[in-house]
Protein backbone atom coordinates (compact mmCIF):
# COMPACT_ATOMS: atom_id res chain seq x y z
CA MET A 1 -127.59 -196.76 -76.40
CA ARG A 2 -131.20 -196.91 -75.35
CA GLY A 3 -130.39 -199.81 -73.06
CA ALA A 4 -127.71 -197.75 -71.38
CA GLU A 5 -130.16 -194.90 -70.85
CA ARG A 6 -132.74 -197.28 -69.39
CA GLU A 7 -130.06 -198.69 -67.14
CA MET A 8 -129.11 -195.18 -65.95
CA GLU A 9 -132.75 -194.28 -65.33
CA GLY A 10 -133.23 -197.48 -63.38
CA GLY A 11 -130.14 -196.71 -61.32
CA GLU A 12 -131.37 -193.20 -60.59
CA GLU A 13 -134.78 -194.52 -59.53
CA ALA A 14 -133.09 -197.06 -57.28
CA TRP A 15 -130.91 -194.33 -55.76
CA GLN A 16 -133.98 -192.11 -55.14
CA TRP A 17 -135.77 -195.05 -53.56
CA GLN A 18 -132.77 -195.74 -51.31
CA MET A 19 -132.70 -192.08 -50.28
CA LYS A 20 -136.41 -192.17 -49.44
CA GLU A 21 -135.87 -195.31 -47.42
CA MET A 22 -132.97 -193.64 -45.60
CA VAL A 23 -135.04 -190.52 -44.84
CA TRP A 24 -137.92 -192.63 -43.53
CA SER A 25 -135.50 -194.71 -41.48
CA VAL A 26 -133.90 -191.62 -39.94
CA ALA A 27 -137.37 -190.15 -39.25
CA ALA A 28 -138.51 -193.41 -37.69
CA ILE A 29 -135.39 -193.53 -35.49
CA ALA A 30 -135.86 -189.88 -34.46
CA ILE A 31 -139.53 -190.44 -33.64
CA SER A 32 -138.71 -193.62 -31.72
CA CYS A 33 -135.99 -191.86 -29.73
CA THR A 34 -138.32 -188.98 -28.96
CA VAL A 35 -141.06 -191.36 -27.84
CA LEU A 36 -138.58 -193.26 -25.66
CA ILE A 37 -137.30 -190.05 -24.07
CA ILE A 38 -140.84 -188.83 -23.38
CA TRP A 39 -141.83 -192.26 -22.08
CA GLN A 40 -138.79 -192.36 -19.83
CA LYS A 41 -139.43 -188.84 -18.52
CA LEU A 42 -143.20 -189.07 -18.13
CA TRP A 43 -143.53 -192.68 -16.99
CA LEU A 44 -140.40 -194.68 -16.19
CA LYS A 45 -138.62 -192.06 -14.04
CA PRO A 46 -141.73 -191.10 -11.98
CA GLN A 47 -142.62 -194.79 -11.56
CA ARG A 48 -139.13 -195.62 -10.33
CA ILE A 49 -139.25 -192.81 -7.75
CA ARG A 50 -142.69 -193.84 -6.51
CA SER A 51 -141.74 -197.52 -6.44
CA VAL A 52 -138.59 -196.92 -4.35
CA LEU A 53 -140.46 -194.74 -1.84
CA HIS A 54 -143.54 -196.99 -1.70
CA LYS A 55 -141.33 -199.95 -0.77
CA GLN A 56 -140.18 -197.91 2.24
CA GLY A 57 -143.77 -197.37 3.38
CA ILE A 58 -144.13 -193.81 2.05
CA THR A 59 -147.49 -193.31 0.38
CA GLY A 60 -149.72 -190.45 -0.70
CA PRO A 61 -152.61 -189.51 -2.97
CA THR A 62 -152.94 -191.49 -6.19
CA GLY A 63 -152.40 -189.40 -9.31
CA SER A 64 -153.12 -189.74 -13.00
CA PHE A 65 -150.53 -190.49 -15.70
CA LEU A 66 -150.00 -187.00 -17.14
CA LEU A 67 -151.44 -184.68 -14.47
CA GLY A 68 -150.41 -186.40 -11.28
CA ASN A 69 -152.37 -184.80 -8.42
CA LEU A 70 -152.97 -181.45 -10.14
CA SER A 71 -156.73 -181.96 -10.42
CA GLU A 72 -157.04 -182.79 -6.73
CA ILE A 73 -154.86 -179.83 -5.77
CA GLN A 74 -157.03 -177.43 -7.77
CA LYS A 75 -160.20 -178.96 -6.27
CA ILE A 76 -158.94 -178.54 -2.70
CA GLN A 77 -157.83 -174.98 -3.39
CA SER A 78 -161.19 -174.03 -4.89
CA GLN A 79 -162.98 -175.31 -1.78
CA ILE A 80 -161.28 -172.73 0.42
CA SER A 81 -161.06 -169.88 -2.11
CA ASN A 82 -163.78 -167.94 -0.28
CA LEU A 83 -162.20 -168.40 3.15
CA SER A 84 -162.02 -165.10 5.04
CA SER A 85 -158.82 -164.80 7.05
CA SER A 86 -160.36 -162.00 9.11
CA SER A 87 -163.27 -164.19 10.26
CA ILE A 88 -161.01 -167.16 11.06
CA PRO A 89 -157.67 -165.47 11.93
CA ASP A 90 -155.48 -168.56 12.28
CA GLN A 91 -156.76 -170.44 9.22
CA TRP A 92 -154.80 -168.34 6.76
CA VAL A 93 -151.79 -170.59 7.38
CA HIS A 94 -153.53 -173.65 5.97
CA SER A 95 -155.22 -171.65 3.21
CA LEU A 96 -151.83 -170.95 1.59
CA PHE A 97 -151.31 -174.58 0.56
CA PRO A 98 -154.47 -176.38 1.74
CA PHE A 99 -153.67 -179.63 -0.08
CA LEU A 100 -150.50 -180.03 2.02
CA HIS A 101 -152.55 -179.53 5.18
CA GLN A 102 -155.19 -182.05 4.10
CA TRP A 103 -152.70 -184.71 2.99
CA ARG A 104 -150.65 -184.21 6.15
CA LYS A 105 -153.71 -185.18 8.21
CA GLN A 106 -154.51 -188.07 5.87
CA TYR A 107 -151.09 -189.63 5.24
CA GLY A 108 -148.96 -188.43 8.15
CA PRO A 109 -145.83 -186.22 8.35
CA ILE A 110 -144.13 -187.85 5.32
CA PHE A 111 -146.02 -188.40 2.08
CA LEU A 112 -145.57 -188.45 -1.68
CA TYR A 113 -147.54 -186.55 -4.30
CA SER A 114 -146.98 -185.47 -7.89
CA THR A 115 -147.57 -182.52 -10.21
CA GLY A 116 -147.35 -183.75 -13.76
CA ASN A 117 -144.19 -185.86 -13.99
CA LYS A 118 -142.58 -184.23 -10.93
CA GLN A 119 -142.54 -186.27 -7.74
CA HIS A 120 -142.62 -184.40 -4.41
CA LEU A 121 -141.73 -185.82 -1.01
CA TYR A 122 -143.31 -183.76 1.78
CA VAL A 123 -141.29 -183.90 5.00
CA GLY A 124 -142.83 -182.84 8.30
CA ASP A 125 -141.25 -185.50 10.50
CA PRO A 126 -138.77 -184.06 13.06
CA GLY A 127 -136.54 -187.15 12.88
CA LEU A 128 -136.07 -186.92 9.13
CA LEU A 129 -135.67 -183.14 9.41
CA LYS A 130 -132.77 -183.72 11.79
CA GLU A 131 -131.12 -186.02 9.25
CA LEU A 132 -131.66 -183.45 6.49
CA ASN A 133 -129.98 -180.84 8.70
CA LEU A 134 -126.95 -183.09 9.06
CA THR A 135 -126.65 -183.86 5.34
CA ARG A 136 -123.83 -181.94 3.65
CA SER A 137 -123.76 -183.75 0.31
CA LEU A 138 -123.73 -181.67 -2.88
CA ASP A 139 -126.13 -184.28 -4.27
CA LEU A 140 -128.90 -182.47 -2.39
CA GLY A 141 -129.57 -179.17 -4.15
CA ARG A 142 -132.23 -176.78 -5.39
CA PRO A 143 -135.00 -178.30 -7.55
CA SER A 144 -133.99 -177.85 -11.18
CA TYR A 145 -137.48 -177.00 -12.43
CA LEU A 146 -137.85 -174.33 -9.77
CA SER A 147 -134.46 -172.89 -10.70
CA LYS A 148 -135.59 -172.57 -14.30
CA ALA A 149 -138.72 -170.73 -13.22
CA LEU A 150 -136.71 -168.23 -11.15
CA LYS A 151 -133.87 -167.77 -13.64
CA PRO A 152 -135.11 -164.35 -14.91
CA MET A 153 -134.67 -162.90 -11.43
CA LEU A 154 -131.86 -164.93 -9.84
CA GLY A 155 -129.81 -166.13 -12.80
CA TYR A 156 -127.30 -168.78 -11.70
CA GLY A 157 -126.64 -167.11 -8.35
CA ILE A 158 -126.19 -168.82 -4.99
CA ILE A 159 -129.92 -169.18 -4.26
CA ARG A 160 -130.55 -171.45 -7.24
CA ALA A 161 -127.05 -172.79 -8.00
CA ASN A 162 -126.08 -176.41 -7.29
CA GLY A 163 -122.93 -178.49 -6.92
CA HIS A 164 -119.51 -176.88 -7.24
CA ASN A 165 -121.02 -173.69 -8.67
CA TRP A 166 -122.96 -173.21 -5.42
CA SER A 167 -119.95 -174.21 -3.31
CA PHE A 168 -117.74 -171.66 -5.08
CA GLN A 169 -120.23 -168.84 -4.55
CA ARG A 170 -120.81 -169.68 -0.89
CA ASN A 171 -117.08 -169.80 -0.15
CA LEU A 172 -116.74 -166.42 -1.84
CA ILE A 173 -119.67 -164.69 -0.13
CA ALA A 174 -119.72 -166.24 3.37
CA PRO A 175 -116.57 -164.53 4.77
CA GLN A 176 -118.10 -161.12 4.03
CA PHE A 177 -120.81 -161.87 6.59
CA PHE A 178 -118.55 -162.92 9.46
CA ILE A 179 -119.16 -160.94 12.66
CA SER A 180 -115.81 -159.14 12.28
CA LYS A 181 -116.93 -157.82 8.87
CA ILE A 182 -120.47 -157.00 10.00
CA GLN A 183 -119.06 -154.66 12.66
CA ASN A 184 -117.87 -152.43 9.82
CA MET A 185 -121.42 -152.28 8.43
CA VAL A 186 -123.18 -151.27 11.64
CA GLY A 187 -122.78 -147.59 10.80
CA PHE A 188 -124.70 -148.05 7.53
CA MET A 189 -127.53 -149.79 9.38
CA GLN A 190 -127.77 -147.02 11.94
CA GLU A 191 -127.54 -144.23 9.36
CA SER A 192 -130.20 -145.71 7.07
CA THR A 193 -132.60 -146.33 9.97
CA LYS A 194 -132.27 -142.72 11.11
CA GLU A 195 -133.21 -141.56 7.60
CA ILE A 196 -136.50 -143.43 7.89
CA MET A 197 -136.99 -142.07 11.42
CA ARG A 198 -136.64 -138.51 10.13
CA LYS A 199 -139.17 -139.27 7.41
CA TRP A 200 -141.67 -140.61 9.96
CA GLU A 201 -141.12 -137.58 12.18
CA ARG A 202 -141.97 -135.32 9.22
CA CYS A 203 -145.15 -137.33 8.60
CA ILE A 204 -146.16 -136.93 12.25
CA THR A 205 -145.42 -133.19 12.20
CA GLU A 206 -147.42 -132.72 9.01
CA SER A 207 -150.37 -134.56 10.57
CA GLY A 208 -150.54 -131.82 13.21
CA GLY A 209 -150.20 -134.10 16.22
CA LYS A 210 -147.96 -136.64 17.93
CA ALA A 211 -149.06 -139.57 15.81
CA ALA A 212 -149.76 -140.46 12.19
CA GLU A 213 -150.85 -143.47 10.18
CA ILE A 214 -147.84 -144.75 8.25
CA VAL A 215 -147.67 -147.72 5.87
CA ILE A 216 -144.44 -149.09 7.27
CA ASP A 217 -143.67 -151.97 4.89
CA ASP A 218 -142.65 -149.81 1.91
CA ASP A 219 -140.42 -147.63 4.07
CA LEU A 220 -138.76 -150.65 5.66
CA LYS A 221 -138.04 -152.11 2.21
CA ALA A 222 -136.39 -148.82 1.26
CA LEU A 223 -134.38 -148.93 4.50
CA THR A 224 -133.02 -152.46 4.06
CA ALA A 225 -132.35 -151.78 0.37
CA ASP A 226 -130.29 -148.75 1.37
CA VAL A 227 -128.30 -150.84 3.86
CA ILE A 228 -127.51 -153.63 1.41
CA CYS A 229 -126.51 -151.11 -1.28
CA LYS A 230 -124.10 -149.28 1.02
CA ALA A 231 -122.72 -152.32 2.83
CA CYS A 232 -122.26 -154.65 -0.11
CA PHE A 233 -122.07 -152.45 -3.20
CA GLY A 234 -120.76 -149.12 -1.99
CA SER A 235 -123.75 -147.17 -3.31
CA SER A 236 -126.83 -145.57 -1.77
CA TYR A 237 -130.46 -146.41 -2.34
CA ALA A 238 -130.67 -143.29 -4.49
CA GLN A 239 -128.46 -145.12 -6.99
CA GLY A 240 -130.00 -148.53 -6.47
CA ASN A 241 -133.70 -147.64 -6.43
CA GLN A 242 -134.09 -148.53 -10.11
CA ILE A 243 -132.65 -151.97 -9.43
CA PHE A 244 -135.08 -152.61 -6.60
CA ALA A 245 -138.00 -151.33 -8.65
CA LYS A 246 -137.16 -153.80 -11.42
CA LEU A 247 -136.59 -156.53 -8.83
CA ALA A 248 -140.05 -155.91 -7.34
CA ALA A 249 -141.64 -156.00 -10.80
CA LEU A 250 -139.91 -159.29 -11.62
CA GLN A 251 -140.90 -160.76 -8.28
CA ALA A 252 -144.55 -159.84 -8.87
CA ALA A 253 -144.45 -161.37 -12.36
CA LEU A 254 -142.88 -164.63 -11.15
CA ALA A 255 -144.70 -165.00 -7.80
CA LYS A 256 -147.15 -167.72 -8.73
CA PRO A 257 -147.75 -170.86 -6.63
CA ASN A 258 -148.12 -172.93 -9.82
CA LEU A 259 -144.41 -172.40 -10.52
CA LEU A 260 -143.50 -173.35 -6.96
CA PHE A 261 -145.11 -176.77 -7.15
CA GLY A 262 -144.19 -177.66 -10.69
CA PHE A 263 -147.23 -176.84 -12.76
CA ALA A 264 -146.61 -176.33 -16.46
CA ASN A 265 -143.97 -173.66 -17.03
CA LEU A 266 -144.53 -172.52 -20.62
CA ARG A 267 -141.96 -169.73 -20.58
CA PHE A 268 -141.03 -170.40 -24.21
CA LEU A 269 -144.44 -169.31 -25.50
CA PRO A 270 -144.54 -165.73 -26.87
CA THR A 271 -147.35 -164.62 -24.55
CA GLN A 272 -147.64 -161.05 -23.34
CA GLU A 273 -146.73 -162.16 -19.82
CA ASN A 274 -143.61 -163.99 -20.99
CA ARG A 275 -142.51 -161.06 -23.14
CA GLU A 276 -142.90 -158.76 -20.14
CA ILE A 277 -140.78 -161.09 -17.99
CA ARG A 278 -138.03 -161.20 -20.62
CA ARG A 279 -138.08 -157.40 -20.90
CA LEU A 280 -137.81 -156.96 -17.13
CA GLU A 281 -135.04 -159.56 -16.99
CA LYS A 282 -132.93 -157.71 -19.56
CA GLU A 283 -133.49 -154.33 -17.89
CA PHE A 284 -132.72 -155.77 -14.43
CA GLU A 285 -129.51 -157.38 -15.65
CA LYS A 286 -128.42 -154.21 -17.45
CA LEU A 287 -128.86 -152.09 -14.29
CA ILE A 288 -126.71 -154.45 -12.23
CA LEU A 289 -124.15 -154.66 -15.02
CA ASN A 290 -123.89 -150.86 -14.96
CA VAL A 291 -123.01 -150.98 -11.24
CA ILE A 292 -120.30 -153.56 -11.93
CA GLU A 293 -118.86 -151.66 -14.88
CA ASP A 294 -118.84 -148.42 -12.87
CA ARG A 295 -116.82 -150.18 -10.18
CA LYS A 296 -114.35 -151.56 -12.72
CA LEU A 297 -113.83 -148.05 -14.09
CA GLU A 298 -113.25 -146.74 -10.56
CA ASN A 299 -110.69 -149.50 -10.05
CA GLN A 300 -108.88 -148.48 -13.22
CA ARG A 301 -108.79 -144.86 -12.02
CA LEU A 302 -107.61 -146.06 -8.56
CA VAL A 303 -110.65 -144.52 -6.84
CA ASN A 304 -111.04 -145.84 -3.26
CA GLU A 305 -108.21 -148.34 -3.65
CA ASN A 306 -108.76 -149.80 -0.18
CA ARG A 307 -112.48 -150.47 -0.65
CA LYS A 308 -113.26 -154.10 0.13
CA ASP A 309 -117.05 -154.41 0.05
CA LEU A 310 -118.79 -157.50 -1.29
CA LEU A 311 -118.89 -156.23 -4.87
CA GLN A 312 -115.13 -155.65 -4.92
CA LEU A 313 -114.56 -159.03 -3.30
CA MET A 314 -116.63 -160.75 -6.00
CA ILE A 315 -114.79 -158.95 -8.80
CA ASP A 316 -111.34 -159.69 -7.34
CA SER A 317 -112.06 -163.31 -6.41
CA ALA A 318 -113.71 -164.13 -9.71
CA VAL A 319 -110.73 -162.80 -11.63
CA ASP A 320 -108.22 -164.49 -9.31
CA ALA A 321 -110.05 -167.81 -9.55
CA ASP A 322 -110.13 -167.56 -13.31
CA LEU A 323 -106.40 -166.89 -13.51
CA SER A 324 -105.32 -169.42 -10.90
CA GLY A 325 -107.27 -172.26 -12.48
CA TRP A 326 -109.40 -173.00 -9.40
CA GLY A 327 -111.58 -174.90 -11.81
CA ILE A 328 -115.21 -173.92 -11.57
CA LEU A 329 -115.01 -170.61 -13.41
CA LYS A 330 -113.02 -172.12 -16.25
CA LYS A 331 -115.77 -174.67 -16.71
CA LEU A 332 -118.45 -172.03 -16.45
CA ARG A 333 -116.82 -169.79 -19.05
CA ARG A 334 -117.92 -172.19 -21.74
CA LYS A 335 -121.52 -171.24 -21.00
CA ARG A 336 -121.28 -167.66 -19.82
CA LYS A 337 -118.74 -164.99 -19.03
CA THR A 338 -117.35 -164.33 -15.59
CA THR A 339 -119.18 -161.00 -15.58
CA LYS A 340 -122.51 -162.78 -15.94
CA LEU A 341 -121.73 -164.84 -12.84
CA ILE A 342 -120.99 -161.65 -10.89
CA VAL A 343 -124.28 -160.15 -12.13
CA ASP A 344 -126.14 -163.25 -10.91
CA MET A 345 -124.45 -163.16 -7.51
CA CYS A 346 -125.34 -159.48 -7.16
CA SER A 347 -128.99 -160.09 -8.05
CA ASN A 348 -129.20 -162.78 -5.36
CA ILE A 349 -127.70 -160.48 -2.73
CA TYR A 350 -130.07 -157.65 -3.70
CA PHE A 351 -133.07 -159.97 -3.32
CA ALA A 352 -132.09 -161.97 -0.24
CA GLY A 353 -130.38 -159.10 1.56
CA SER A 354 -133.22 -156.62 1.51
CA GLU A 355 -136.66 -158.15 1.05
CA THR A 356 -136.54 -160.83 3.74
CA THR A 357 -135.09 -158.50 6.39
CA ALA A 358 -137.68 -155.81 5.69
CA LEU A 359 -140.49 -158.34 6.02
CA SER A 360 -139.03 -159.68 9.28
CA VAL A 361 -139.12 -156.18 10.82
CA THR A 362 -142.58 -155.49 9.36
CA TRP A 363 -144.14 -158.60 10.93
CA THR A 364 -142.33 -157.96 14.23
CA LEU A 365 -143.70 -154.41 14.46
CA ILE A 366 -147.20 -155.65 13.60
CA LEU A 367 -147.00 -158.21 16.40
CA LEU A 368 -145.68 -155.60 18.84
CA ALA A 369 -148.50 -153.26 17.84
CA MET A 370 -150.91 -156.06 18.74
CA HIS A 371 -149.11 -156.66 22.06
CA PRO A 372 -148.13 -153.20 23.41
CA HIS A 373 -146.91 -154.54 26.78
CA TRP A 374 -144.05 -156.20 24.93
CA GLN A 375 -143.15 -152.85 23.39
CA GLU A 376 -142.70 -151.43 26.88
CA ARG A 377 -140.54 -154.35 27.98
CA LEU A 378 -138.30 -154.05 24.93
CA ARG A 379 -138.04 -150.27 25.17
CA SER A 380 -136.86 -150.55 28.76
CA GLU A 381 -134.28 -153.21 27.85
CA ILE A 382 -132.99 -151.23 24.86
CA LEU A 383 -132.57 -148.00 26.85
CA ASP A 384 -130.81 -149.87 29.66
CA THR A 385 -128.38 -151.45 27.19
CA PHE A 386 -127.75 -148.35 25.02
CA SER A 387 -128.34 -145.58 27.54
CA ASN A 388 -127.43 -142.52 25.47
CA MET A 389 -128.04 -143.80 21.89
CA SER A 390 -124.90 -142.02 20.71
CA PRO A 391 -123.76 -142.22 17.07
CA HIS A 392 -121.46 -145.09 18.04
CA SER A 393 -123.91 -146.91 20.30
CA PHE A 394 -124.03 -150.08 18.23
CA GLN A 395 -120.33 -150.42 17.42
CA ASP A 396 -119.94 -152.67 20.45
CA THR A 397 -121.77 -155.70 19.06
CA GLU A 398 -121.17 -157.58 22.34
CA LYS A 399 -123.95 -155.45 23.86
CA PHE A 400 -126.46 -157.18 21.60
CA ARG A 401 -126.06 -160.23 23.87
CA ASN A 402 -127.80 -158.19 26.58
CA LEU A 403 -130.90 -157.72 24.42
CA LYS A 404 -132.33 -161.04 25.51
CA GLN A 405 -135.98 -160.04 25.36
CA LEU A 406 -135.54 -158.46 21.94
CA THR A 407 -133.92 -161.69 20.74
CA MET A 408 -136.89 -163.67 22.09
CA VAL A 409 -139.37 -161.41 20.28
CA ILE A 410 -137.47 -161.69 16.99
CA GLN A 411 -137.32 -165.49 17.31
CA GLU A 412 -141.04 -165.67 18.03
CA SER A 413 -141.85 -163.37 15.14
CA LEU A 414 -139.75 -165.52 12.79
CA ARG A 415 -141.58 -168.58 14.08
CA LEU A 416 -145.06 -167.18 13.43
CA TYR A 417 -144.33 -165.10 10.32
CA SER A 418 -141.11 -166.31 8.75
CA PRO A 419 -140.71 -164.50 5.39
CA GLY A 420 -139.59 -167.72 3.73
CA ILE A 421 -142.35 -170.24 4.35
CA ILE A 422 -141.32 -173.07 2.01
CA THR A 423 -137.90 -174.65 1.57
CA SER A 424 -137.06 -177.34 -0.96
CA ARG A 425 -134.33 -179.69 -2.15
CA GLU A 426 -133.87 -182.08 -5.07
CA ALA A 427 -131.99 -185.37 -4.92
CA LEU A 428 -129.51 -184.85 -7.76
CA GLU A 429 -128.39 -188.46 -7.28
CA ASP A 430 -129.75 -191.36 -5.23
CA ILE A 431 -129.06 -190.36 -1.63
CA LYS A 432 -129.70 -191.90 1.78
CA ILE A 433 -131.08 -189.54 4.43
CA GLY A 434 -131.26 -191.28 7.76
CA GLU A 435 -132.97 -194.58 7.01
CA VAL A 436 -134.78 -193.25 3.92
CA VAL A 437 -133.35 -193.82 0.44
CA VAL A 438 -134.39 -190.84 -1.71
CA PRO A 439 -134.19 -191.62 -5.45
CA LYS A 440 -132.61 -189.24 -7.93
CA GLY A 441 -135.09 -186.64 -9.20
CA THR A 442 -137.21 -186.53 -6.02
CA ASN A 443 -138.18 -183.03 -4.88
CA ILE A 444 -138.23 -182.65 -1.09
CA TRP A 445 -140.60 -180.02 0.32
CA ILE A 446 -140.81 -178.58 3.84
CA PHE A 447 -143.64 -176.22 4.79
CA MET A 448 -141.85 -174.27 7.53
CA LEU A 449 -144.87 -172.26 8.58
CA ALA A 450 -146.84 -175.44 9.34
CA LEU A 451 -143.91 -176.81 11.36
CA HIS A 452 -143.59 -173.54 13.28
CA ARG A 453 -147.26 -173.73 14.32
CA ASP A 454 -147.54 -177.46 14.97
CA ALA A 455 -149.10 -178.04 18.41
CA GLU A 456 -147.26 -181.38 18.74
CA ILE A 457 -143.96 -179.52 18.49
CA TRP A 458 -144.70 -176.19 20.21
CA GLY A 459 -147.61 -176.99 22.52
CA GLU A 460 -151.27 -176.02 22.54
CA ASP A 461 -150.36 -172.31 22.40
CA ALA A 462 -148.49 -172.77 19.09
CA ASP A 463 -150.60 -170.11 17.34
CA GLU A 464 -150.10 -167.55 20.11
CA PHE A 465 -147.46 -164.81 20.34
CA ARG A 466 -145.45 -165.88 23.39
CA PRO A 467 -141.79 -164.74 23.13
CA GLU A 468 -141.06 -166.11 26.59
CA ARG A 469 -141.06 -169.60 25.11
CA PHE A 470 -137.55 -168.77 23.79
CA GLU A 471 -136.21 -167.70 27.18
CA GLY A 472 -134.02 -170.81 27.31
CA GLY A 473 -133.19 -170.69 23.61
CA VAL A 474 -134.57 -172.76 20.75
CA ALA A 475 -133.54 -176.01 22.44
CA GLU A 476 -136.03 -175.40 25.27
CA ALA A 477 -138.68 -173.60 23.22
CA CYS A 478 -140.08 -176.71 21.57
CA LYS A 479 -140.05 -180.48 21.59
CA TYR A 480 -137.96 -180.78 18.42
CA PRO A 481 -135.49 -177.87 17.88
CA GLN A 482 -134.70 -179.13 14.36
CA ALA A 483 -138.23 -178.10 13.36
CA TYR A 484 -137.35 -174.39 13.76
CA LEU A 485 -136.12 -173.33 10.31
CA PRO A 486 -136.48 -169.57 9.75
CA PHE A 487 -133.12 -169.43 7.94
CA GLY A 488 -133.33 -172.78 6.17
CA PHE A 489 -131.39 -175.90 7.08
CA GLY A 490 -128.29 -177.94 6.41
CA SER A 491 -125.33 -176.66 4.44
CA ARG A 492 -127.56 -174.22 2.53
CA ILE A 493 -128.65 -172.31 5.64
CA CYS A 494 -128.82 -168.56 4.96
CA VAL A 495 -125.29 -167.22 4.47
CA GLY A 496 -126.34 -163.75 5.71
CA GLN A 497 -128.07 -164.91 8.91
CA ASN A 498 -125.82 -162.97 11.31
CA PHE A 499 -125.99 -159.86 9.14
CA ALA A 500 -129.79 -159.99 9.06
CA LEU A 501 -130.20 -160.53 12.81
CA ILE A 502 -127.90 -157.64 13.75
CA GLU A 503 -129.60 -155.40 11.21
CA VAL A 504 -133.05 -156.28 12.61
CA LYS A 505 -131.88 -155.61 16.17
CA ILE A 506 -130.44 -152.19 15.26
CA MET A 507 -133.57 -151.20 13.35
CA LEU A 508 -135.92 -152.28 16.13
CA SER A 509 -133.75 -150.72 18.85
CA LEU A 510 -133.81 -147.31 17.16
CA LEU A 511 -137.46 -147.43 16.13
CA LEU A 512 -138.80 -148.65 19.49
CA SER A 513 -136.74 -146.14 21.47
CA ASN A 514 -138.20 -143.25 19.45
CA PHE A 515 -141.72 -144.39 18.50
CA SER A 516 -144.60 -146.47 19.78
CA PHE A 517 -146.78 -148.51 17.44
CA SER A 518 -150.44 -149.48 17.45
CA ILE A 519 -152.73 -151.16 14.93
CA SER A 520 -154.42 -148.81 12.47
CA PRO A 521 -158.18 -149.22 11.85
CA ASN A 522 -157.22 -149.61 8.18
CA TYR A 523 -155.00 -152.62 8.81
CA ARG A 524 -156.35 -155.92 7.42
CA HIS A 525 -154.57 -159.01 8.68
CA CYS A 526 -154.20 -161.09 5.54
CA PRO A 527 -150.75 -162.68 5.05
CA CYS A 528 -150.26 -163.92 1.50
CA PHE A 529 -147.59 -165.82 -0.40
CA LYS A 530 -145.72 -163.98 -3.17
CA MET A 531 -142.44 -165.88 -3.11
CA LEU A 532 -142.25 -164.59 0.48
CA LEU A 533 -144.86 -164.07 3.22
CA MET A 534 -146.25 -160.55 2.80
CA PRO A 535 -149.14 -158.50 4.23
CA LYS A 536 -151.56 -158.56 1.29
CA TYR A 537 -153.02 -155.12 2.01
CA GLY A 538 -149.88 -153.51 3.36
CA ALA A 539 -148.99 -152.70 6.96
CA PRO A 540 -150.52 -149.37 8.03
CA LEU A 541 -149.75 -148.66 11.71
CA ILE A 542 -150.36 -145.71 14.00
CA VAL A 543 -146.86 -144.39 14.73
CA THR A 544 -146.51 -142.10 17.77
CA LYS A 545 -143.41 -140.00 18.51
CA LEU A 546 -142.12 -140.52 22.03
């Protein structure tokens, strides 16, 4: 009996020992797998990318194992932190990303650098830019790490989507911005601009004279927000102002250069900043969701049955695609509902459709205030083209072809102060661009503002405001037309480009035919980067009623 008990105890001890061995074995395997994954991500993958590019003659600054070139980037930035843009007016361009400027001079127009384990290929060579423009492969998309950083504001919308998800959204949205559709939106653009004009007239009247100092950038943001709300969502800015307020707050919270270039993104930590971002994200999404749900209720009640704005198109197409089995939405439903995709598309349109256009007009008016003789030339051309400025003046969009000088000024303004100053791509698979093989995981960066002011491309007057350079179009304005990228490049060029240009022309035509602009003594010329190129201290101008 006792022998049997001892035998049972021995068996139990053996079983416990086997279990401990199993637990340690599983732990050892898990630790080994984790180490291998980290080693592959932090060492093998970056080394492969650098090796492939080095063999093709592409070099750059040497980085450390874990930090890459972060230390050198911070050192270069600190050296110019006290640079005064007012004392050296043109140097602000290189002060935005001074390390890119320094490495461009040191390593040439194509070089490689790293931030942590992320490998970045800087492209400033016109020949390679031309090849990038011609590339239509879905294997070239938005950088995944950057998409994660911008997710609270843009979700999985067209700006940060890749592959078939991006293709689906572009095919859905693009037809809404064809010229034939834009003609139906001209009235909204004209109406919203006149609202701002009446506001400025009240400001001038209240000042007791013919002129007043007006900070134009906030008003222009309100104007373009009103247009995008009416044209694409069937609502006025009065309804959408909460959305844009939340959008601005999110943009301010996320607008950090360290996210842009791949510094550590510790969004998972419960810091006060991260909690604030999550709160704003939820509130922003809820506001857009309310707009969508309101529209669905209107559809059920058969209110405005014939309405076919962008919001209705997204709702109808998303549902149709889901039912017809087009494919992409059925795959996406496993991760999120169709409604969430519509919310994300709406957030992208709100952001891209208002902010960039407002900044384009802001910088153009600042430049015209600095060069009043161009104001006179444009005013004469506008009044000759639209002689009576009737309520239906802009319905004939063919007349915009006659605004050649206005087009030249807009192109020059976009060259010098393009709202989007950086554009990027990630090689989602190994891809050949021209003669360069770009390995999977490489992030391609183009500093558009540097290209737009490169003396080798535009001539010795590259930093000067000279709209006449565009008299023969972009092809004759510079040595390499492919280096002019105000709306991006390749298949991902801005889907709303035509909409934005017509909106800018209508706004400027109305404003210049009713007001003149001059620089206010309180204006400080200090462009800064906050996801877009903005006047750091606002844009106060002296606005005079004509």
